[in-house]
Amino acid sequence: MHDTNLLQLITDDFAPAQQLLELLQTESLALHGRDMPLLEDILARKQALIILLEQHGRKRSEILASLNLPLDRQGLEQLASHSSIGDQLLSQSDVLTDLIAQCQAANVKNGQSIQIQQAATANQLKILTGGEPPALYDASGTFAKPTKPRTLSQA
């Protein structure tokens, strides 16, 4: 019975994990287009999916804990070894693990995109507010130290 409940929880997470992956891919496009209303909508939908996936993850962990099994792949393998649906349990778990890994990779990529955009915005703000001049490179591609403006000497 625990094995069928666990399998059901795993398969129930396929749809939200796939939706999350699609949202993360859409988020990537919205980030590049700087579409703020779309990004706000994506954020709300992402949070709901993440909460659902976390709840199911906790339930899966609770099932393994109630059987005094490790709360990781090893515990799942131990349960599967004593189950008539063990192969299905492991294969479906692998599918979900792969989907979640794709979500994590997309999220990292989006995070890097955000950091790049934040750095560019900060640099633009420095220029607009008269802060430090932007870092420049010379023709050879090496960093050229900005020259200080010359001051007129008084005679």
N, C-alpha and C. Protein backbone atom coordinates (compact mmCIF):
# COMPACT_ATOMS: atom_id res chain seq x y z
N MET A 1 0.81 -1.19 0.00
CA MET A 1 0.00 0.00 0.00
C MET A 1 0.86 1.26 0.00
N HIS A 2 1.94 1.27 0.80
CA HIS A 2 2.83 2.43 0.80
C HIS A 2 3.45 2.64 -0.57
N ASP A 3 3.77 1.53 -1.23
CA ASP A 3 4.39 1.65 -2.54
C ASP A 3 3.43 2.27 -3.56
N THR A 4 2.16 1.89 -3.52
CA THR A 4 1.19 2.46 -4.47
C THR A 4 0.93 3.94 -4.16
N ASN A 5 0.90 4.29 -2.88
CA ASN A 5 0.73 5.70 -2.51
C ASN A 5 1.92 6.53 -2.99
N LEU A 6 3.10 5.98 -2.80
CA LEU A 6 4.30 6.66 -3.23
C LEU A 6 4.32 6.82 -4.75
N LEU A 7 3.97 5.77 -5.45
CA LEU A 7 3.92 5.84 -6.91
C LEU A 7 2.90 6.89 -7.36
N GLN A 8 1.77 6.95 -6.70
CA GLN A 8 0.74 7.93 -7.06
C GLN A 8 1.24 9.35 -6.83
N LEU A 9 1.93 9.58 -5.72
CA LEU A 9 2.49 10.91 -5.45
C LEU A 9 3.52 11.30 -6.51
N ILE A 10 4.31 10.34 -6.91
CA ILE A 10 5.33 10.61 -7.94
C ILE A 10 4.66 10.98 -9.26
N THR A 11 3.70 10.17 -9.69
CA THR A 11 3.05 10.44 -10.97
C THR A 11 2.19 11.71 -10.91
N ASP A 12 1.65 12.02 -9.74
CA ASP A 12 0.88 13.26 -9.58
C ASP A 12 1.75 14.50 -9.78
N ASP A 13 3.05 14.35 -9.56
CA ASP A 13 3.97 15.49 -9.70
C ASP A 13 4.44 15.70 -11.13
N PHE A 14 4.16 14.79 -12.03
CA PHE A 14 4.59 14.98 -13.42
C PHE A 14 4.01 16.25 -14.02
N ALA A 15 2.70 16.44 -13.89
CA ALA A 15 2.06 17.61 -14.51
C ALA A 15 2.57 18.93 -13.91
N PRO A 16 2.60 19.08 -12.58
CA PRO A 16 3.11 20.36 -12.06
C PRO A 16 4.59 20.58 -12.38
N ALA A 17 5.39 19.53 -12.39
CA ALA A 17 6.81 19.68 -12.72
C ALA A 17 6.96 20.10 -14.18
N GLN A 18 6.16 19.52 -15.07
CA GLN A 18 6.21 19.90 -16.48
C GLN A 18 5.73 21.35 -16.65
N GLN A 19 4.68 21.73 -15.94
CA GLN A 19 4.19 23.11 -16.00
C GLN A 19 5.26 24.08 -15.49
N LEU A 20 5.95 23.70 -14.43
CA LEU A 20 7.02 24.54 -13.89
C LEU A 20 8.13 24.71 -14.91
N LEU A 21 8.51 23.63 -15.57
CA LEU A 21 9.55 23.71 -16.59
C LEU A 21 9.13 24.65 -17.72
N GLU A 22 7.89 24.54 -18.16
CA GLU A 22 7.40 25.41 -19.21
C GLU A 22 7.36 26.87 -18.76
N LEU A 23 6.98 27.10 -17.51
CA LEU A 23 6.98 28.46 -16.97
C LEU A 23 8.40 29.03 -16.92
N LEU A 24 9.36 28.21 -16.53
CA LEU A 24 10.74 28.66 -16.46
C LEU A 24 11.27 29.00 -17.86
N GLN A 25 10.86 28.24 -18.85
CA GLN A 25 11.26 28.54 -20.23
C GLN A 25 10.61 29.83 -20.70
N THR A 26 9.35 30.05 -20.34
CA THR A 26 8.66 31.29 -20.69
C THR A 26 9.29 32.46 -19.94
N GLU A 27 9.68 32.21 -18.69
CA GLU A 27 10.33 33.24 -17.90
C GLU A 27 11.63 33.69 -18.56
N SER A 28 12.37 32.77 -19.12
CA SER A 28 13.61 33.11 -19.81
C SER A 28 13.34 34.10 -20.94
N LEU A 29 12.31 33.83 -21.72
CA LEU A 29 11.95 34.73 -22.83
C LEU A 29 11.49 36.08 -22.29
N ALA A 30 10.70 36.06 -21.22
CA ALA A 30 10.19 37.31 -20.63
C ALA A 30 11.33 38.13 -20.05
N LEU A 31 12.34 37.46 -19.48
CA LEU A 31 13.50 38.18 -18.94
C LEU A 31 14.25 38.90 -20.04
N HIS A 32 14.44 38.21 -21.15
CA HIS A 32 15.17 38.83 -22.26
C HIS A 32 14.38 39.98 -22.87
N GLY A 33 13.05 39.85 -22.86
CA GLY A 33 12.21 40.91 -23.38
C GLY A 33 11.85 41.95 -22.34
N ARG A 34 12.26 41.72 -21.10
CA ARG A 34 11.96 42.62 -19.97
C ARG A 34 10.47 42.91 -19.87
N ASP A 35 9.69 41.85 -20.00
CA ASP A 35 8.23 41.94 -19.93
C ASP A 35 7.79 41.79 -18.47
N MET A 36 7.74 42.90 -17.76
CA MET A 36 7.46 42.87 -16.32
C MET A 36 6.09 42.32 -15.96
N PRO A 37 5.01 42.68 -16.65
CA PRO A 37 3.71 42.10 -16.28
C PRO A 37 3.71 40.58 -16.42
N LEU A 38 4.32 40.07 -17.49
CA LEU A 38 4.39 38.62 -17.68
C LEU A 38 5.25 37.99 -16.58
N LEU A 39 6.35 38.63 -16.22
CA LEU A 39 7.22 38.10 -15.17
C LEU A 39 6.50 38.02 -13.83
N GLU A 40 5.68 39.02 -13.53
CA GLU A 40 4.91 39.00 -12.28
C GLU A 40 3.92 37.84 -12.27
N ASP A 41 3.26 37.62 -13.41
CA ASP A 41 2.32 36.50 -13.52
C ASP A 41 3.03 35.17 -13.37
N ILE A 42 4.18 35.04 -14.02
CA ILE A 42 4.97 33.81 -13.94
C ILE A 42 5.40 33.54 -12.51
N LEU A 43 5.84 34.58 -11.81
CA LEU A 43 6.29 34.42 -10.43
C LEU A 43 5.18 33.84 -9.55
N ALA A 44 3.98 34.37 -9.68
CA ALA A 44 2.86 33.87 -8.87
C ALA A 44 2.56 32.41 -9.20
N ARG A 45 2.55 32.08 -10.47
CA ARG A 45 2.26 30.70 -10.87
C ARG A 45 3.38 29.75 -10.46
N LYS A 46 4.62 30.21 -10.56
CA LYS A 46 5.76 29.38 -10.15
C LYS A 46 5.68 29.05 -8.67
N GLN A 47 5.37 30.06 -7.86
CA GLN A 47 5.32 29.84 -6.42
C GLN A 47 4.27 28.79 -6.06
N ALA A 48 3.11 28.84 -6.71
CA ALA A 48 2.06 27.87 -6.42
C ALA A 48 2.52 26.45 -6.78
N LEU A 49 3.18 26.30 -7.92
CA LEU A 49 3.66 24.98 -8.33
C LEU A 49 4.76 24.47 -7.41
N ILE A 50 5.64 25.35 -7.01
CA ILE A 50 6.74 24.94 -6.12
C ILE A 50 6.19 24.49 -4.77
N ILE A 51 5.21 25.20 -4.25
CA ILE A 51 4.59 24.80 -2.98
C ILE A 51 3.96 23.42 -3.11
N LEU A 52 3.25 23.18 -4.19
CA LEU A 52 2.62 21.88 -4.42
C LEU A 52 3.67 20.77 -4.50
N LEU A 53 4.73 21.00 -5.25
CA LEU A 53 5.79 20.00 -5.39
C LEU A 53 6.49 19.74 -4.05
N GLU A 54 6.69 20.79 -3.27
CA GLU A 54 7.31 20.61 -1.95
C GLU A 54 6.40 19.80 -1.02
N GLN A 55 5.10 20.05 -1.07
CA GLN A 55 4.16 19.30 -0.24
C GLN A 55 4.20 17.82 -0.59
N HIS A 56 4.19 17.52 -1.87
CA HIS A 56 4.24 16.12 -2.30
C HIS A 56 5.58 15.48 -1.92
N GLY A 57 6.65 16.26 -2.02
CA GLY A 57 7.96 15.76 -1.62
C GLY A 57 7.99 15.39 -0.14
N ARG A 58 7.36 16.24 0.68
CA ARG A 58 7.30 15.95 2.12
C ARG A 58 6.48 14.68 2.37
N LYS A 59 5.38 14.52 1.64
CA LYS A 59 4.55 13.32 1.82
C LYS A 59 5.34 12.06 1.43
N ARG A 60 6.12 12.16 0.36
CA ARG A 60 6.93 11.00 -0.04
C ARG A 60 7.96 10.68 1.04
N SER A 61 8.56 11.73 1.59
CA SER A 61 9.54 11.53 2.66
C SER A 61 8.88 10.92 3.90
N GLU A 62 7.67 11.36 4.20
CA GLU A 62 6.95 10.82 5.36
C GLU A 62 6.66 9.33 5.19
N ILE A 63 6.32 8.93 3.97
CA ILE A 63 6.06 7.51 3.72
C ILE A 63 7.33 6.70 3.97
N LEU A 64 8.45 7.17 3.44
CA LEU A 64 9.72 6.45 3.64
C LEU A 64 10.10 6.45 5.12
N ALA A 65 9.91 7.57 5.79
CA ALA A 65 10.25 7.66 7.21
C ALA A 65 9.37 6.72 8.04
N SER A 66 8.10 6.60 7.68
CA SER A 66 7.20 5.72 8.44
C SER A 66 7.62 4.26 8.32
N LEU A 67 8.37 3.95 7.28
CA LEU A 67 8.87 2.59 7.07
C LEU A 67 10.31 2.44 7.57
N ASN A 68 10.81 3.46 8.25
CA ASN A 68 12.19 3.49 8.75
C ASN A 68 13.20 3.30 7.63
N LEU A 69 12.93 3.93 6.50
CA LEU A 69 13.85 3.86 5.36
C LEU A 69 14.51 5.22 5.18
N PRO A 70 15.71 5.23 4.58
CA PRO A 70 16.35 6.52 4.29
C PRO A 70 15.45 7.37 3.37
N LEU A 71 15.55 8.67 3.52
CA LEU A 71 14.69 9.58 2.78
C LEU A 71 15.29 9.99 1.43
N ASP A 72 15.97 9.06 0.79
CA ASP A 72 16.62 9.36 -0.47
C ASP A 72 16.42 8.20 -1.45
N ARG A 73 17.19 8.21 -2.50
CA ARG A 73 17.08 7.17 -3.53
C ARG A 73 17.30 5.78 -2.93
N GLN A 74 18.21 5.67 -1.99
CA GLN A 74 18.49 4.38 -1.36
C GLN A 74 17.24 3.84 -0.66
N GLY A 75 16.52 4.69 0.03
CA GLY A 75 15.28 4.27 0.70
C GLY A 75 14.24 3.83 -0.29
N LEU A 76 14.15 4.55 -1.40
CA LEU A 76 13.20 4.17 -2.45
C LEU A 76 13.57 2.81 -3.05
N GLU A 77 14.84 2.60 -3.25
CA GLU A 77 15.30 1.31 -3.80
C GLU A 77 15.00 0.17 -2.83
N GLN A 78 15.16 0.42 -1.54
CA GLN A 78 14.84 -0.62 -0.55
C GLN A 78 13.36 -0.96 -0.58
N LEU A 79 12.52 0.06 -0.66
CA LEU A 79 11.08 -0.18 -0.75
C LEU A 79 10.74 -0.91 -2.04
N ALA A 80 11.34 -0.49 -3.13
CA ALA A 80 11.07 -1.10 -4.43
C ALA A 80 11.48 -2.57 -4.47
N SER A 81 12.53 -2.91 -3.73
CA SER A 81 13.00 -4.30 -3.75
C SER A 81 11.99 -5.26 -3.12
N HIS A 82 11.07 -4.73 -2.32
CA HIS A 82 10.06 -5.56 -1.66
C HIS A 82 8.67 -5.34 -2.24
N SER A 83 8.60 -4.70 -3.40
CA SER A 83 7.31 -4.35 -3.95
C SER A 83 7.10 -4.98 -5.32
N SER A 84 5.85 -5.33 -5.61
CA SER A 84 5.52 -5.88 -6.93
C SER A 84 5.57 -4.80 -8.01
N ILE A 85 5.49 -3.54 -7.61
CA ILE A 85 5.57 -2.44 -8.58
C ILE A 85 6.90 -1.68 -8.44
N GLY A 86 7.89 -2.35 -7.90
CA GLY A 86 9.18 -1.73 -7.63
C GLY A 86 9.84 -1.14 -8.85
N ASP A 87 9.83 -1.88 -9.97
CA ASP A 87 10.46 -1.36 -11.19
C ASP A 87 9.77 -0.10 -11.66
N GLN A 88 8.44 -0.11 -11.60
CA GLN A 88 7.67 1.06 -12.02
C GLN A 88 7.95 2.24 -11.07
N LEU A 89 8.03 1.94 -9.80
CA LEU A 89 8.31 2.97 -8.80
C LEU A 89 9.64 3.66 -9.10
N LEU A 90 10.67 2.87 -9.37
CA LEU A 90 11.99 3.44 -9.66
C LEU A 90 12.02 4.18 -10.98
N SER A 91 11.41 3.62 -12.01
CA SER A 91 11.45 4.28 -13.32
C SER A 91 10.68 5.60 -13.30
N GLN A 92 9.53 5.63 -12.63
CA GLN A 92 8.75 6.86 -12.55
C GLN A 92 9.47 7.91 -11.69
N SER A 93 10.15 7.43 -10.66
CA SER A 93 10.94 8.34 -9.83
C SER A 93 12.06 8.97 -10.65
N ASP A 94 12.68 8.16 -11.52
CA ASP A 94 13.75 8.68 -12.39
C ASP A 94 13.22 9.74 -13.34
N VAL A 95 12.02 9.53 -13.87
CA VAL A 95 11.42 10.50 -14.77
C VAL A 95 11.18 11.82 -14.03
N LEU A 96 10.63 11.73 -12.82
CA LEU A 96 10.37 12.93 -12.03
C LEU A 96 11.68 13.62 -11.64
N THR A 97 12.67 12.84 -11.25
CA THR A 97 13.97 13.41 -10.89
C THR A 97 14.58 14.16 -12.07
N ASP A 98 14.45 13.61 -13.27
CA ASP A 98 14.96 14.27 -14.47
C ASP A 98 14.21 15.57 -14.74
N LEU A 99 12.90 15.54 -14.60
CA LEU A 99 12.10 16.75 -14.80
C LEU A 99 12.50 17.85 -13.82
N ILE A 100 12.67 17.48 -12.57
CA ILE A 100 13.06 18.44 -11.54
C ILE A 100 14.46 18.98 -11.83
N ALA A 101 15.36 18.13 -12.30
CA ALA A 101 16.71 18.58 -12.65
C ALA A 101 16.67 19.58 -13.81
N GLN A 102 15.79 19.35 -14.76
CA GLN A 102 15.63 20.30 -15.87
C GLN A 102 15.09 21.64 -15.36
N CYS A 103 14.18 21.58 -14.41
CA CYS A 103 13.65 22.80 -13.79
C CYS A 103 14.76 23.56 -13.08
N GLN A 104 15.58 22.84 -12.33
CA GLN A 104 16.67 23.48 -11.59
C GLN A 104 17.67 24.13 -12.56
N ALA A 105 17.99 23.44 -13.65
CA ALA A 105 18.93 24.00 -14.62
C ALA A 105 18.35 25.26 -15.28
N ALA A 106 17.07 25.23 -15.62
CA ALA A 106 16.43 26.40 -16.22
C ALA A 106 16.39 27.55 -15.22
N ASN A 107 16.16 27.23 -13.96
CA ASN A 107 16.11 28.27 -12.92
C ASN A 107 17.49 28.91 -12.72
N VAL A 108 18.53 28.11 -12.75
CA VAL A 108 19.89 28.64 -12.64
C VAL A 108 20.19 29.56 -13.81
N LYS A 109 19.82 29.13 -15.00
CA LYS A 109 20.03 29.94 -16.21
C LYS A 109 19.29 31.28 -16.09
N ASN A 110 18.05 31.24 -15.62
CA ASN A 110 17.28 32.46 -15.45
C ASN A 110 17.91 33.35 -14.38
N GLY A 111 18.41 32.75 -13.32
CA GLY A 111 19.08 33.52 -12.27
C GLY A 111 20.32 34.22 -12.79
N GLN A 112 21.07 33.55 -13.64
CA GLN A 112 22.26 34.17 -14.24
C GLN A 112 21.85 35.33 -15.15
N SER A 113 20.78 35.15 -15.87
CA SER A 113 20.28 36.20 -16.75
C SER A 113 19.88 37.43 -15.92
N ILE A 114 19.23 37.19 -14.80
CA ILE A 114 18.83 38.29 -13.91
C ILE A 114 20.06 39.02 -13.39
N GLN A 115 21.09 38.27 -12.98
CA GLN A 115 22.31 38.90 -12.46
C GLN A 115 22.99 39.76 -13.52
N ILE A 116 23.02 39.27 -14.75
CA ILE A 116 23.63 40.03 -15.84
C ILE A 116 22.85 41.32 -16.08
N GLN A 117 21.52 41.21 -16.09
CA GLN A 117 20.70 42.39 -16.29
C GLN A 117 20.83 43.39 -15.14
N GLN A 118 20.96 42.88 -13.92
CA GLN A 118 21.14 43.76 -12.77
C GLN A 118 22.47 44.51 -12.87
N ALA A 119 23.52 43.82 -13.30
CA ALA A 119 24.83 44.46 -13.43
C ALA A 119 24.78 45.52 -14.53
N ALA A 120 24.12 45.22 -15.63
CA ALA A 120 24.00 46.18 -16.72
C ALA A 120 23.21 47.41 -16.28
N THR A 121 22.14 47.17 -15.55
CA THR A 121 21.31 48.28 -15.04
C THR A 121 22.11 49.13 -14.07
N ALA A 122 22.86 48.49 -13.18
CA ALA A 122 23.68 49.24 -12.22
C ALA A 122 24.71 50.08 -12.95
N ASN A 123 25.30 49.54 -13.99
CA ASN A 123 26.29 50.28 -14.77
C ASN A 123 25.64 51.48 -15.46
N GLN A 124 24.45 51.27 -16.01
CA GLN A 124 23.74 52.36 -16.67
C GLN A 124 23.37 53.45 -15.67
N LEU A 125 22.98 53.04 -14.47
CA LEU A 125 22.65 54.03 -13.44
C LEU A 125 23.87 54.85 -13.04
N LYS A 126 25.03 54.20 -12.97
CA LYS A 126 26.27 54.92 -12.63
C LYS A 126 26.55 55.98 -13.69
N ILE A 127 26.35 55.60 -14.95
CA ILE A 127 26.60 56.54 -16.03
C ILE A 127 25.63 57.71 -15.95
N LEU A 128 24.36 57.40 -15.74
CA LEU A 128 23.33 58.44 -15.69
C LEU A 128 23.47 59.38 -14.49
N THR A 129 23.94 58.84 -13.38
CA THR A 129 24.05 59.66 -12.17
C THR A 129 25.43 60.27 -12.01
N GLY A 130 26.28 60.09 -12.99
CA GLY A 130 27.61 60.69 -12.93
C GLY A 130 28.57 59.97 -12.01
N GLY A 131 28.31 58.71 -11.76
CA GLY A 131 29.19 57.92 -10.91
C GLY A 131 30.46 57.56 -11.66
N GLU A 132 31.05 56.46 -11.28
CA GLU A 132 32.26 56.00 -11.94
C GLU A 132 32.02 55.81 -13.43
N PRO A 133 33.01 56.16 -14.24
CA PRO A 133 32.86 55.87 -15.66
C PRO A 133 32.92 54.36 -15.88
N PRO A 134 32.27 53.88 -16.92
CA PRO A 134 32.28 52.43 -17.16
C PRO A 134 33.68 51.94 -17.47
N ALA A 135 33.92 50.69 -17.15
CA ALA A 135 35.20 50.07 -17.47
C ALA A 135 35.31 49.95 -18.98
N LEU A 136 36.44 50.36 -19.51
CA LEU A 136 36.64 50.32 -20.95
C LEU A 136 37.83 49.43 -21.28
N TYR A 137 37.83 48.94 -22.48
CA TYR A 137 38.93 48.11 -22.95
C TYR A 137 39.56 48.79 -24.15
N ASP A 138 40.88 48.60 -24.28
CA ASP A 138 41.55 49.19 -25.43
C ASP A 138 41.46 48.26 -26.63
N ALA A 139 42.08 48.65 -27.74
CA ALA A 139 41.96 47.89 -28.98
C ALA A 139 42.48 46.47 -28.87
N SER A 140 43.41 46.22 -27.96
CA SER A 140 43.96 44.87 -27.81
C SER A 140 43.08 44.00 -26.92
N GLY A 141 42.04 44.59 -26.33
CA GLY A 141 41.13 43.82 -25.49
C GLY A 141 41.52 43.80 -24.03
N THR A 142 42.55 44.56 -23.67
CA THR A 142 42.93 44.62 -22.27
C THR A 142 42.29 45.82 -21.62
N PHE A 143 42.17 45.75 -20.31
CA PHE A 143 41.52 46.81 -19.55
C PHE A 143 42.34 48.09 -19.64
N ALA A 144 41.68 49.14 -20.04
CA ALA A 144 42.34 50.45 -20.10
C ALA A 144 41.86 51.26 -18.92
N LYS A 145 42.79 51.71 -18.10
CA LYS A 145 42.40 52.52 -16.94
C LYS A 145 41.84 53.84 -17.43
N PRO A 146 40.72 54.24 -16.85
CA PRO A 146 40.17 55.51 -17.28
C PRO A 146 41.11 56.65 -16.91
N THR A 147 41.24 57.56 -17.82
CA THR A 147 42.11 58.69 -17.55
C THR A 147 41.32 59.75 -16.80
N LYS A 148 42.00 60.43 -15.91
CA LYS A 148 41.35 61.49 -15.17
C LYS A 148 41.35 62.74 -16.03
N PRO A 149 40.26 63.47 -15.97
CA PRO A 149 40.23 64.69 -16.76
C PRO A 149 41.35 65.64 -16.31
N ARG A 150 41.94 66.31 -17.27
CA ARG A 150 43.03 67.24 -16.95
C ARG A 150 42.42 68.51 -16.36
N THR A 151 43.12 69.02 -15.40
CA THR A 151 42.69 70.29 -14.81
C THR A 151 43.61 71.38 -15.32
N LEU A 152 43.07 72.53 -15.49
CA LEU A 152 43.89 73.66 -15.96
C LEU A 152 44.66 74.20 -14.77
N SER A 153 45.94 74.39 -14.97
CA SER A 153 46.74 74.92 -13.88
C SER A 153 46.65 76.44 -13.92
N GLN A 154 46.65 77.02 -12.77
CA GLN A 154 46.58 78.48 -12.71
C GLN A 154 47.97 79.06 -12.78
N ALA A 155 48.09 80.20 -13.46
CA ALA A 155 49.40 80.83 -13.64
C ALA A 155 49.62 81.92 -12.65
